[in-house]
Amino acid sequence: MKILHVLQQLPMKTGSGVYFSNLIDEFNKLGVENIALYAIESPYKADLNCKSYEVEFNTPKLPFPIPGMSDIMPYESTRFSDATRAMLDDYLAAFENRLTKIKEEHDFDMIFCHHLFLVTDLVRRLFPDKKIYAFSHGTDLRQVDRYPGFLKSLTAIKDLDHIFTVNPKNIDEIIKLFDIDRDKITNIGGGFNQNIFNDDYIKDGLEKNEKNEKNEKNEKNEKDDKDELKIIYAGKISPSKGVHALAMALPIIEEKYPNVKMHLIGAADDETKEELSREAEGSSNLLVYNSQTQESMAKILKEGDVFVLPSYFEALGLIAIEALACRKFVVTSDIEGLKNQLGEVVNNSGAIIYTKLPRIYDLDKPYEEDIKDYVERLAENIIAQLDKVVRGEIISDEIMKEIDKNSWQALAKKIYDMIN
């Protein structure tokens, strides 16, 4: 079997990029021959284990950054809503050029496209006789909802053979927007890379036997009062991700745990860092910095104590599952897709605590008067998870087995069986 995978943004740095890359890796293991087409821009370089084609941005032919499926991306990007007609024409022409070249050089069985948006629509029109599966990551529907003018250009989406969603609530949105039969849509969820996100020892840190000794000690003894406690957030540093509310929660947490450090991992300019510092009341325990790879991200997660995802909007929140896979206690906002993916056993285990959101408008904006209460709820839940760490509790092996069912290996096999 040979499959062409198409992504209209970087194959890293975002949830859909990680989805794209890991699906290819797992399909390689299943004996599938894969071909990849994706967007790229300096300084990023993709290293996919398959034949790859790139559409390069910030070049003479495409003199602008990659258009992002979210208005704020974790790398330099163009907002689709700000793009001129000429920019969009050049953008689609560049993808059509690469797709035509791929068509001339390869005979493949089917196509996997990511996002129900412009490039996927183009692929359906260019390959009317190929079976095409598309993955909706939620941000595509958000673009169409915010900027409905794009819907006029998406005339071929309704002719896709099948659509996979990461969040069950997106199914009704897709039916309404594109007039697609419900039986052509499957909620498939997401996965984590079990080779990177796990509770194995950190190769450049503790030796395995040392970590086992430490775990045994933690199971029997309380954590020393002087030991530093680490709260981790990883993702976009933007208001919609709730990071400002998280920074506001730090002084409340410090009242009980003055030895806490809050690590916000993501790209932030100096102005944003200063704003976050003010919201944390100038606390020296707030650290903001970036991480370049999934491997470095996993290392940070493994060295932390509690992971927090305070986002006001998430289709899935895959990073929370990755943190759980590293055997870390988690606090998140009330994310329906995440609850659905993990299931009742994990949701009720105490490994993860969901935080009631403030009232939301325009999909990801909280009402100002609700933020204070949300900050207090976040702080309370984070303290509850830190209490477990201090008592030496760990997530049980039984719960870890349930979490492991959400690996890319398991997800890819499920998709593979469906397309066969």
Protein backbone atom coordinates (compact mmCIF):
# COMPACT_ATOMS: atom_id res chain seq x y z
CA MET A 1 0.00 0.00 0.00
CA LYS A 2 1.28 3.50 -0.89
CA ILE A 3 -0.20 6.65 0.73
CA LEU A 4 0.37 10.35 0.02
CA HIS A 5 0.15 12.51 3.18
CA VAL A 6 -0.60 16.23 2.71
CA LEU A 7 -0.23 18.98 5.33
CA GLN A 8 -0.50 22.71 4.62
CA GLN A 9 1.80 23.78 7.47
CA LEU A 10 4.98 22.69 9.29
CA PRO A 11 5.19 18.96 10.16
CA MET A 12 6.18 19.93 13.71
CA LYS A 13 5.50 22.57 16.41
CA THR A 14 1.69 22.12 16.38
CA GLY A 15 -0.75 19.34 17.22
CA SER A 16 -1.66 18.70 13.59
CA GLY A 17 2.01 18.72 12.54
CA VAL A 18 2.85 16.16 15.22
CA TYR A 19 -0.20 14.11 14.16
CA PHE A 20 0.99 14.15 10.53
CA SER A 21 4.56 13.10 11.37
CA ASN A 22 3.71 10.37 13.85
CA LEU A 23 1.07 8.82 11.61
CA ILE A 24 3.71 8.48 8.89
CA ASP A 25 6.17 6.88 11.34
CA GLU A 26 3.63 4.33 12.54
CA PHE A 27 2.40 3.52 9.02
CA ASN A 28 6.04 2.89 8.05
CA LYS A 29 6.14 0.20 10.74
CA LEU A 30 2.97 -1.35 9.31
CA GLY A 31 4.69 -1.80 5.94
CA VAL A 32 3.03 1.15 4.17
CA GLU A 33 5.08 3.13 1.63
CA ASN A 34 4.55 6.82 2.48
CA ILE A 35 5.03 10.05 0.57
CA ALA A 36 4.80 13.43 2.33
CA LEU A 37 3.96 16.94 1.13
CA TYR A 38 4.11 19.82 3.62
CA ALA A 39 4.96 23.50 4.10
CA ILE A 40 8.37 24.61 5.35
CA GLU A 41 10.19 27.85 6.14
CA SER A 42 13.58 28.80 7.53
CA PRO A 43 15.00 27.98 10.07
CA TYR A 44 12.98 24.75 10.27
CA LYS A 45 13.96 21.50 8.61
CA ALA A 46 11.81 18.38 8.53
CA ASP A 47 13.32 14.92 8.81
CA LEU A 48 10.57 12.49 7.86
CA ASN A 49 11.35 8.86 7.21
CA CYS A 50 9.79 8.80 3.74
CA LYS A 51 9.97 10.44 0.32
CA SER A 52 9.20 14.12 0.94
CA TYR A 53 8.17 17.17 -1.07
CA GLU A 54 8.13 20.71 0.34
CA VAL A 55 6.41 24.02 -0.38
CA GLU A 56 8.86 26.61 0.91
CA PHE A 57 7.71 30.00 2.23
CA ASN A 58 9.58 33.27 2.80
CA THR A 59 11.11 32.84 -0.66
CA PRO A 60 10.97 34.99 -3.84
CA LYS A 61 8.02 32.91 -5.14
CA LEU A 62 6.20 32.87 -1.78
CA PRO A 63 7.49 36.03 -0.02
CA PHE A 64 5.47 35.59 3.18
CA PRO A 65 5.42 33.19 6.16
CA ILE A 66 3.35 29.99 6.14
CA PRO A 67 -0.37 30.73 6.59
CA GLY A 68 -1.41 29.20 9.92
CA MET A 69 -4.56 27.29 10.72
CA SER A 70 -4.66 29.23 13.99
CA ASP A 71 -4.34 33.01 14.00
CA ILE A 72 -1.43 32.66 16.43
CA MET A 73 1.12 29.96 15.63
CA PRO A 74 4.26 28.91 17.57
CA TYR A 75 6.40 30.11 14.63
CA GLU A 76 6.35 33.05 12.21
CA SER A 77 3.12 32.79 10.24
CA THR A 78 0.57 34.62 8.11
CA ARG A 79 -3.03 34.87 9.24
CA PHE A 80 -5.30 33.46 6.54
CA SER A 81 -7.70 36.34 7.19
CA ASP A 82 -4.91 38.84 6.38
CA ALA A 83 -3.83 37.17 3.14
CA THR A 84 -4.64 38.98 -0.11
CA ARG A 85 -6.27 37.20 -3.04
CA ALA A 86 -2.93 37.26 -4.86
CA MET A 87 -1.17 35.64 -1.85
CA LEU A 88 -3.78 32.87 -1.68
CA ASP A 89 -3.52 32.29 -5.43
CA ASP A 90 0.28 31.95 -5.18
CA TYR A 91 -0.12 29.70 -2.13
CA LEU A 92 -2.47 27.29 -3.92
CA ALA A 93 -0.43 27.41 -7.14
CA ALA A 94 2.68 26.34 -5.20
CA PHE A 95 0.87 23.35 -3.70
CA GLU A 96 -0.68 22.47 -7.07
CA ASN A 97 2.78 22.52 -8.65
CA ARG A 98 4.14 20.06 -6.10
CA LEU A 99 1.03 17.84 -6.27
CA THR A 100 1.31 17.68 -10.06
CA LYS A 101 4.96 16.65 -9.76
CA ILE A 102 4.06 13.94 -7.24
CA LYS A 103 1.30 12.71 -9.57
CA GLU A 104 3.82 12.38 -12.40
CA GLU A 105 6.40 10.55 -10.29
CA HIS A 106 4.30 8.24 -8.11
CA ASP A 107 1.33 5.92 -8.33
CA PHE A 108 -0.28 5.74 -4.87
CA ASP A 109 -3.41 4.10 -3.54
CA MET A 110 -4.92 6.87 -1.43
CA ILE A 111 -4.33 10.30 0.09
CA PHE A 112 -4.44 11.48 3.70
CA CYS A 113 -5.07 15.24 4.00
CA HIS A 114 -4.96 17.30 7.18
CA HIS A 115 -7.47 20.14 7.76
CA LEU A 116 -10.74 20.70 5.93
CA PHE A 117 -9.43 23.78 4.23
CA LEU A 118 -7.96 25.17 1.01
CA VAL A 119 -5.26 22.60 0.21
CA THR A 120 -7.48 19.62 1.01
CA ASP A 121 -10.15 21.07 -1.30
CA LEU A 122 -7.47 21.47 -3.98
CA VAL A 123 -6.34 17.85 -3.54
CA ARG A 124 -9.89 16.54 -4.00
CA ARG A 125 -10.22 18.52 -7.25
CA LEU A 126 -6.81 17.43 -8.59
CA PHE A 127 -7.34 13.74 -7.78
CA PRO A 128 -11.03 13.00 -8.52
CA ASP A 129 -10.41 9.25 -8.86
CA LYS A 130 -8.32 8.71 -5.71
CA LYS A 131 -9.70 7.72 -2.32
CA ILE A 132 -9.10 10.66 0.02
CA TYR A 133 -9.29 10.58 3.81
CA ALA A 134 -9.12 13.91 5.65
CA PHE A 135 -8.34 14.70 9.29
CA SER A 136 -10.08 17.67 10.89
CA HIS A 137 -8.14 19.12 13.82
CA GLY A 138 -10.74 21.68 14.91
CA THR A 139 -8.69 24.74 13.92
CA ASP A 140 -9.91 24.38 10.33
CA LEU A 141 -13.54 24.62 11.45
CA ARG A 142 -12.61 27.57 13.61
CA GLN A 143 -11.19 29.43 10.58
CA VAL A 144 -14.39 28.88 8.60
CA ASP A 145 -16.51 29.87 11.59
CA ARG A 146 -14.58 33.11 12.12
CA TYR A 147 -14.14 33.96 8.45
CA PRO A 148 -17.12 32.42 6.60
CA GLY A 149 -15.95 33.87 3.28
CA PHE A 150 -13.54 30.92 2.98
CA LEU A 151 -16.47 28.51 2.83
CA LYS A 152 -17.23 29.63 -0.75
CA SER A 153 -13.85 28.20 -1.83
CA LEU A 154 -14.36 24.81 -0.18
CA THR A 155 -16.72 23.30 -2.73
CA ALA A 156 -14.99 19.91 -2.99
CA ILE A 157 -14.79 19.07 0.73
CA LYS A 158 -18.23 17.43 0.56
CA ASP A 159 -16.80 14.91 -1.95
CA LEU A 160 -14.11 13.51 0.38
CA ASP A 161 -14.39 9.76 0.91
CA HIS A 162 -14.13 9.92 4.70
CA ILE A 163 -13.30 12.39 7.47
CA PHE A 164 -11.63 11.65 10.82
CA THR A 165 -12.11 14.07 13.73
CA VAL A 166 -10.14 14.45 16.97
CA ASN A 167 -13.16 15.74 18.89
CA PRO A 168 -16.66 14.22 18.73
CA LYS A 169 -18.37 17.60 18.95
CA ASN A 170 -16.80 18.56 15.60
CA ILE A 171 -18.94 16.00 13.78
CA ASP A 172 -22.11 18.11 13.90
CA GLU A 173 -20.13 21.21 12.87
CA ILE A 174 -18.76 19.41 9.80
CA ILE A 175 -22.20 18.15 8.78
CA LYS A 176 -23.64 21.66 9.09
CA LEU A 177 -20.80 23.42 7.26
CA PHE A 178 -20.22 21.01 4.39
CA ASP A 179 -23.48 19.02 4.11
CA ILE A 180 -21.67 15.68 4.55
CA ASP A 181 -23.39 12.43 5.53
CA ARG A 182 -22.80 11.46 9.16
CA ASP A 183 -21.72 7.94 8.17
CA LYS A 184 -18.73 9.45 6.32
CA ILE A 185 -17.31 10.90 9.57
CA THR A 186 -15.52 9.03 12.37
CA ASN A 187 -14.20 10.45 15.64
CA ILE A 188 -10.73 8.89 15.88
CA GLY A 189 -9.00 11.09 18.48
CA GLY A 190 -5.23 11.53 18.66
CA GLY A 191 -2.20 9.74 19.99
CA PHE A 192 1.17 10.19 21.70
CA ASN A 193 4.58 8.97 20.60
CA GLN A 194 5.26 6.10 22.96
CA ASN A 195 8.96 6.10 22.01
CA ILE A 196 9.41 9.65 23.34
CA PHE A 197 6.67 10.22 25.92
CA ASN A 198 6.95 7.48 28.52
CA ASP A 199 8.13 6.97 32.09
CA ASP A 200 11.53 5.56 31.11
CA TYR A 201 14.64 7.13 32.53
CA ILE A 202 16.11 10.29 30.93
CA LYS A 203 19.19 9.16 29.04
CA ASP A 204 21.23 12.27 29.73
CA GLY A 205 20.02 12.51 33.32
CA LEU A 206 19.40 9.77 35.88
CA GLU A 207 20.55 6.25 35.20
CA LYS A 208 17.68 3.78 35.16
CA ASN A 209 18.59 2.10 38.44
CA GLU A 210 18.94 5.51 40.13
CA LYS A 211 15.49 6.54 38.93
CA ASN A 212 13.98 3.27 40.16
CA GLU A 213 15.53 3.90 43.57
CA LYS A 214 14.09 7.42 43.53
CA ASN A 215 10.63 6.11 42.60
CA GLU A 216 10.78 3.55 45.41
CA LYS A 217 11.71 6.33 47.83
CA ASN A 218 8.86 8.52 46.60
CA GLU A 219 6.37 5.68 47.06
CA LYS A 220 7.40 5.30 50.72
CA ASN A 221 8.36 8.82 51.87
CA GLU A 222 7.04 12.32 51.60
CA LYS A 223 8.98 14.66 49.35
CA ASP A 224 11.39 16.84 51.31
CA ASP A 225 10.02 20.31 52.04
CA LYS A 226 13.11 21.87 50.47
CA ASP A 227 12.81 19.96 47.17
CA GLU A 228 11.84 22.17 44.26
CA LEU A 229 8.38 21.48 42.83
CA LYS A 230 7.98 22.00 39.07
CA ILE A 231 4.76 23.02 37.31
CA ILE A 232 5.00 22.67 33.52
CA TYR A 233 2.99 24.23 30.69
CA ALA A 234 3.97 23.62 27.04
CA GLY A 235 2.36 25.11 23.94
CA LYS A 236 1.55 28.44 22.39
CA ILE A 237 2.10 31.44 24.64
CA SER A 238 -1.13 33.22 23.76
CA PRO A 239 -4.24 34.46 25.60
CA SER A 240 -6.43 31.70 24.13
CA LYS A 241 -4.23 29.07 25.81
CA GLY A 242 -4.98 30.45 29.29
CA VAL A 243 -1.30 31.04 30.14
CA HIS A 244 -2.06 34.46 31.60
CA ALA A 245 -4.55 32.90 34.02
CA LEU A 246 -1.93 30.28 34.89
CA ALA A 247 0.62 33.01 35.68
CA MET A 248 -1.97 34.69 37.92
CA ALA A 249 -2.40 31.40 39.79
CA LEU A 250 1.29 31.23 40.75
CA PRO A 251 1.16 33.63 43.75
CA ILE A 252 -1.78 31.64 45.19
CA ILE A 253 0.16 28.38 44.82
CA GLU A 254 3.26 29.96 46.38
CA GLU A 255 1.34 30.63 49.59
CA LYS A 256 1.39 26.88 50.28
CA TYR A 257 4.43 25.89 48.24
CA PRO A 258 7.03 28.71 48.17
CA ASN A 259 9.49 26.19 46.67
CA VAL A 260 7.47 25.89 43.44
CA LYS A 261 8.76 26.82 39.97
CA MET A 262 6.35 27.41 37.06
CA HIS A 263 7.86 26.63 33.64
CA LEU A 264 5.99 28.05 30.62
CA ILE A 265 7.48 26.39 27.53
CA GLY A 266 6.82 28.21 24.28
CA ALA A 267 7.85 31.13 22.09
CA ALA A 268 7.20 34.54 23.71
CA ASP A 269 8.52 37.99 22.93
CA ASP A 270 9.88 40.32 25.63
CA GLU A 271 6.60 42.24 25.92
CA THR A 272 4.63 39.03 26.57
CA LYS A 273 7.21 37.86 29.12
CA GLU A 274 6.93 41.17 30.98
CA GLU A 275 3.14 40.92 30.96
CA LEU A 276 3.24 37.38 32.34
CA SER A 277 5.69 38.50 35.03
CA ARG A 278 3.33 41.29 36.12
CA GLU A 279 0.44 38.83 36.28
CA ALA A 280 2.58 36.57 38.48
CA GLU A 281 3.23 39.61 40.73
CA GLY A 282 6.87 39.67 39.69
CA SER A 283 7.57 36.19 41.06
CA SER A 284 11.08 34.91 40.35
CA ASN A 285 9.53 31.42 40.27
CA LEU A 286 8.02 32.08 36.81
CA LEU A 287 10.25 30.87 33.95
CA VAL A 288 9.38 31.37 30.26
CA TYR A 289 11.49 29.73 27.54
CA ASN A 290 11.19 27.66 24.37
CA SER A 291 11.80 24.03 23.45
CA GLN A 292 12.78 23.00 19.93
CA THR A 293 11.96 19.29 19.70
CA GLN A 294 9.59 16.64 21.03
CA GLU A 295 12.58 14.94 22.65
CA SER A 296 13.54 18.06 24.60
CA MET A 297 9.88 18.55 25.51
CA ALA A 298 9.66 15.01 26.87
CA LYS A 299 12.79 15.59 28.94
CA ILE A 300 11.21 18.70 30.50
CA LEU A 301 7.97 16.82 31.23
CA LYS A 302 9.84 13.95 32.88
CA GLU A 303 11.73 16.38 35.13
CA GLY A 304 8.49 18.12 36.18
CA ASP A 305 5.91 17.27 38.83
CA VAL A 306 2.56 18.58 37.53
CA PHE A 307 1.57 19.48 33.98
CA VAL A 308 -1.10 22.16 33.41
CA LEU A 309 -3.12 22.90 30.25
CA PRO A 310 -5.37 25.90 31.09
CA SER A 311 -6.52 26.51 27.49
CA TYR A 312 -9.85 28.23 26.76
CA PHE A 313 -10.22 26.17 23.58
CA GLU A 314 -8.76 22.80 22.55
CA ALA A 315 -10.04 20.23 20.08
CA LEU A 316 -8.12 17.49 21.91
CA GLY A 317 -5.23 18.74 24.08
CA LEU A 318 -2.82 15.97 23.08
CA ILE A 319 0.02 17.41 25.16
CA ALA A 320 -1.94 16.50 28.31
CA ILE A 321 -1.94 12.83 27.23
CA GLU A 322 1.80 13.06 26.52
CA ALA A 323 2.33 14.34 30.07
CA LEU A 324 0.25 11.48 31.50
CA ALA A 325 2.33 9.04 29.45
CA CYS A 326 5.38 10.42 31.30
CA ARG A 327 3.53 9.44 34.53
CA LYS A 328 2.91 13.06 35.53
CA PHE A 329 -0.17 14.35 37.33
CA VAL A 330 -2.17 16.74 35.12
CA VAL A 331 -4.54 19.68 35.52
CA THR A 332 -6.47 20.88 32.47
CA SER A 333 -9.43 23.02 31.56
CA ASP A 334 -12.66 21.15 30.81
CA ILE A 335 -11.77 19.77 27.35
CA GLU A 336 -14.50 17.54 25.90
CA GLY A 337 -12.24 15.90 23.30
CA LEU A 338 -9.67 14.99 25.96
CA LYS A 339 -12.31 13.50 28.27
CA ASN A 340 -13.73 11.45 25.41
CA GLN A 341 -10.29 10.20 24.38
CA LEU A 342 -9.08 9.16 27.84
CA GLY A 343 -12.29 7.49 29.02
CA GLU A 344 -13.87 7.09 32.44
CA VAL A 345 -11.16 4.96 34.05
CA VAL A 346 -8.42 7.58 33.58
CA ASN A 347 -10.78 10.54 34.08
CA ASN A 348 -11.89 9.22 37.46
CA SER A 349 -8.44 8.07 38.62
CA GLY A 350 -7.17 11.38 39.99
CA ALA A 351 -4.29 11.32 37.50
CA ILE A 352 -5.98 14.24 35.74
CA ILE A 353 -8.20 16.97 37.19
CA TYR A 354 -10.48 19.00 34.92
CA THR A 355 -11.10 22.67 35.74
CA LYS A 356 -14.43 24.34 35.03
CA LEU A 357 -13.96 27.01 32.37
CA PRO A 358 -15.12 30.62 32.66
CA ARG A 359 -17.90 31.67 30.34
CA ILE A 360 -16.50 31.83 26.81
CA TYR A 361 -17.39 33.97 23.79
CA ASP A 362 -15.99 33.96 20.24
CA LEU A 363 -14.85 30.37 20.85
CA ASP A 364 -11.76 31.09 23.00
CA LYS A 365 -12.21 34.38 24.87
CA PRO A 366 -13.20 34.44 28.57
CA TYR A 367 -15.51 37.04 30.06
CA GLU A 368 -13.26 39.36 32.06
CA GLU A 369 -15.39 39.16 35.19
CA ASP A 370 -15.03 35.34 35.27
CA ILE A 371 -11.23 35.17 35.11
CA LYS A 372 -10.55 35.66 38.84
CA ASP A 373 -12.69 32.65 39.79
CA TYR A 374 -11.07 30.56 37.05
CA VAL A 375 -7.61 31.45 38.35
CA GLU A 376 -8.63 30.35 41.85
CA ARG A 377 -10.03 27.05 40.54
CA LEU A 378 -6.82 26.40 38.62
CA ALA A 379 -4.68 27.14 41.68
CA GLU A 380 -6.81 24.87 43.87
CA ASN A 381 -6.52 21.95 41.43
CA ILE A 382 -2.78 22.44 40.92
CA ILE A 383 -2.25 22.46 44.70
CA ALA A 384 -4.27 19.22 44.94
CA GLN A 385 -1.95 17.53 42.44
CA LEU A 386 1.17 18.94 44.13
CA ASP A 387 -0.09 17.52 47.42
CA LYS A 388 -0.01 14.06 45.83
CA VAL A 389 3.55 14.60 44.65
CA VAL A 390 4.65 15.74 48.10
CA ARG A 391 3.03 12.66 49.67
CA GLY A 392 5.04 10.50 47.28
CA GLU A 393 2.04 9.22 45.29
CA ILE A 394 2.47 8.09 41.68
CA ILE A 395 0.03 7.14 38.93
CA SER A 396 -0.59 3.38 39.23
CA ASP A 397 0.53 0.80 36.68
CA GLU A 398 -3.13 -0.07 36.06
CA ILE A 399 -3.93 3.51 35.02
CA MET A 400 -0.73 3.72 32.95
CA LYS A 401 -1.95 0.72 30.93
CA GLU A 402 -5.16 2.64 30.15
CA ILE A 403 -3.17 5.73 29.16
CA ASP A 404 -0.95 3.62 26.88
CA LYS A 405 -4.03 2.72 24.81
CA ASN A 406 -3.78 6.27 23.43
CA SER A 407 -0.37 5.81 21.78
CA TRP A 408 0.27 6.52 18.10
CA GLN A 409 0.97 2.83 17.65
CA ALA A 410 -2.55 1.94 18.81
CA LEU A 411 -4.20 4.78 16.86
CA ALA A 412 -2.37 4.06 13.60
CA LYS A 413 -3.33 0.38 13.77
CA LYS A 414 -6.97 1.39 14.26
CA ILE A 415 -6.88 3.67 11.19
CA TYR A 416 -4.98 1.05 9.18
CA ASP A 417 -7.63 -1.56 9.92
CA MET A 418 -10.41 0.88 8.95
CA ILE A 419 -8.93 1.81 5.56
CA ASN A 420 -8.40 -1.86 4.77
